[in-house]
Amino acid sequence: MDINNQIKFGHLLFTDRKCRVCGEIKNLMDGFYRTRKDRGPVASSYSYECKNCTIKRIVANKILSKVTCKWEYPDW
């Protein structure tokens, strides 16, 4: 049995991933942010939320935090 013919390098690297939010399949290197910088470029060091969904979530949270005022001037 020759293992080199059965396993190819492309099978070990995950090049595509499905986003948990939008459900689109995107390239792992270009479409997702790295969450762990200390490890090499392995699939587990990338997030499960694509860059576009991450940007939308952060912008929406900033808008919500600006609109809702948690403190009001006391009415004396």
C-alpha atoms as a PDB file:
ATOM      1  CA  MET A   1       0.000   0.000   0.000  1.00  0.00           C
ATOM      2  CA  ASP A   2       1.397   3.343  -1.033  1.00  0.00           C
ATOM      3  CA  ILE A   3       0.072   6.102   1.231  1.00  0.00           C
ATOM      4  CA  ASN A   4       1.558   8.893  -0.894  1.00  0.00           C
ATOM      5  CA  ASN A   5      -0.754   8.038  -3.794  1.00  0.00           C
ATOM      6  CA  GLN A   6      -3.858   7.862  -1.594  1.00  0.00           C
ATOM      7  CA  ILE A   7      -3.435  11.127   0.316  1.00  0.00           C
ATOM      8  CA  LYS A   8      -2.704  14.348  -1.481  1.00  0.00           C
ATOM      9  CA  PHE A   9      -1.605  17.635   0.038  1.00  0.00           C
ATOM     10  CA  GLY A  10      -4.846  19.314  -1.060  1.00  0.00           C
ATOM     11  CA  HIS A  11      -6.882  16.990   1.134  1.00  0.00           C
ATOM     12  CA  LEU A  12      -5.052  18.130   4.246  1.00  0.00           C
ATOM     13  CA  LEU A  13      -5.657  21.841   3.676  1.00  0.00           C
ATOM     14  CA  PHE A  14      -9.186  23.174   3.774  1.00  0.00           C
ATOM     15  CA  THR A  15      -9.393  25.806   1.080  1.00  0.00           C
ATOM     16  CA  ASP A  16     -13.130  26.558   1.306  1.00  0.00           C
ATOM     17  CA  ARG A  17     -15.418  27.109   4.265  1.00  0.00           C
ATOM     18  CA  LYS A  18     -19.120  27.796   4.673  1.00  0.00           C
ATOM     19  CA  CYS A  19     -20.011  30.945   6.633  1.00  0.00           C
ATOM     20  CA  ARG A  20     -22.261  30.258   9.620  1.00  0.00           C
ATOM     21  CA  VAL A  21     -24.185  33.516   9.176  1.00  0.00           C
ATOM     22  CA  CYS A  22     -24.835  33.919   5.447  1.00  0.00           C
ATOM     23  CA  GLY A  23     -24.253  30.309   4.383  1.00  0.00           C
ATOM     24  CA  GLU A  24     -22.011  31.173   1.427  1.00  0.00           C
ATOM     25  CA  ILE A  25     -18.968  29.047   0.654  1.00  0.00           C
ATOM     26  CA  LYS A  26     -15.868  31.237   0.406  1.00  0.00           C
ATOM     27  CA  ASN A  27     -12.121  30.836   0.195  1.00  0.00           C
ATOM     28  CA  LEU A  28     -10.628  30.292   3.627  1.00  0.00           C
ATOM     29  CA  MET A  29      -7.599  32.524   3.164  1.00  0.00           C
ATOM     30  CA  ASP A  30      -9.354  35.472   1.499  1.00  0.00           C
ATOM     31  CA  GLY A  31     -12.872  35.320   2.933  1.00  0.00           C
ATOM     32  CA  PHE A  32     -12.275  34.761   6.660  1.00  0.00           C
ATOM     33  CA  TYR A  33     -10.271  36.493   9.404  1.00  0.00           C
ATOM     34  CA  ARG A  34      -7.552  34.661  11.326  1.00  0.00           C
ATOM     35  CA  THR A  35      -8.314  34.362  15.016  1.00  0.00           C
ATOM     36  CA  ARG A  36      -5.116  32.688  16.205  1.00  0.00           C
ATOM     37  CA  LYS A  37      -1.905  34.328  15.027  1.00  0.00           C
ATOM     38  CA  ASP A  38       0.478  32.031  16.900  1.00  0.00           C
ATOM     39  CA  ARG A  39      -0.379  28.924  14.879  1.00  0.00           C
ATOM     40  CA  GLY A  40       0.482  28.309  11.278  1.00  0.00           C
ATOM     41  CA  PRO A  41      -2.015  28.679   8.454  1.00  0.00           C
ATOM     42  CA  VAL A  42      -4.229  25.769   9.513  1.00  0.00           C
ATOM     43  CA  ALA A  43      -8.006  25.707   9.105  1.00  0.00           C
ATOM     44  CA  SER A  44      -8.667  25.893  12.851  1.00  0.00           C
ATOM     45  CA  SER A  45      -6.979  29.289  13.099  1.00  0.00           C
ATOM     46  CA  TYR A  46      -9.654  30.986  10.956  1.00  0.00           C
ATOM     47  CA  SER A  47     -13.064  32.198  12.133  1.00  0.00           C
ATOM     48  CA  TYR A  48     -16.374  30.672  11.070  1.00  0.00           C
ATOM     49  CA  GLU A  49     -17.904  34.042  10.158  1.00  0.00           C
ATOM     50  CA  CYS A  50     -16.853  35.587   6.830  1.00  0.00           C
ATOM     51  CA  LYS A  51     -15.345  39.056   6.590  1.00  0.00           C
ATOM     52  CA  ASN A  52     -18.494  40.631   5.128  1.00  0.00           C
ATOM     53  CA  CYS A  53     -20.725  39.292   7.909  1.00  0.00           C
ATOM     54  CA  THR A  54     -18.203  40.363  10.553  1.00  0.00           C
ATOM     55  CA  ILE A  55     -18.154  43.922   9.199  1.00  0.00           C
ATOM     56  CA  LYS A  56     -21.966  44.056   9.065  1.00  0.00           C
ATOM     57  CA  ARG A  57     -22.245  42.800  12.672  1.00  0.00           C
ATOM     58  CA  ILE A  58     -19.731  45.313  14.013  1.00  0.00           C
ATOM     59  CA  VAL A  59     -21.328  48.261  12.184  1.00  0.00           C
ATOM     60  CA  ALA A  60     -24.803  47.266  13.395  1.00  0.00           C
ATOM     61  CA  ASN A  61     -23.590  47.018  17.000  1.00  0.00           C
ATOM     62  CA  LYS A  62     -21.936  50.441  16.817  1.00  0.00           C
ATOM     63  CA  ILE A  63     -25.107  52.015  15.426  1.00  0.00           C
ATOM     64  CA  LEU A  64     -27.240  50.433  18.153  1.00  0.00           C
ATOM     65  CA  SER A  65     -24.904  51.593  20.905  1.00  0.00           C
ATOM     66  CA  LYS A  66     -25.029  55.188  19.621  1.00  0.00           C
ATOM     67  CA  VAL A  67     -28.826  55.290  19.267  1.00  0.00           C
ATOM     68  CA  THR A  68     -29.731  53.921  22.669  1.00  0.00           C
ATOM     69  CA  CYS A  69     -28.812  56.385  25.351  1.00  0.00           C
ATOM     70  CA  LYS A  70     -28.247  54.596  28.665  1.00  0.00           C
ATOM     71  CA  TRP A  71     -27.913  57.766  30.682  1.00  0.00           C
ATOM     72  CA  GLU A  72     -30.231  60.767  30.842  1.00  0.00           C
ATOM     73  CA  TYR A  73     -29.819  64.089  32.568  1.00  0.00           C
ATOM     74  CA  PRO A  74     -31.798  64.073  35.809  1.00  0.00           C
ATOM     75  CA  ASP A  75     -34.979  66.080  35.767  1.00  0.00           C
ATOM     76  CA  TRP A  76     -34.920  68.301  38.867  1.00  0.00           C
END
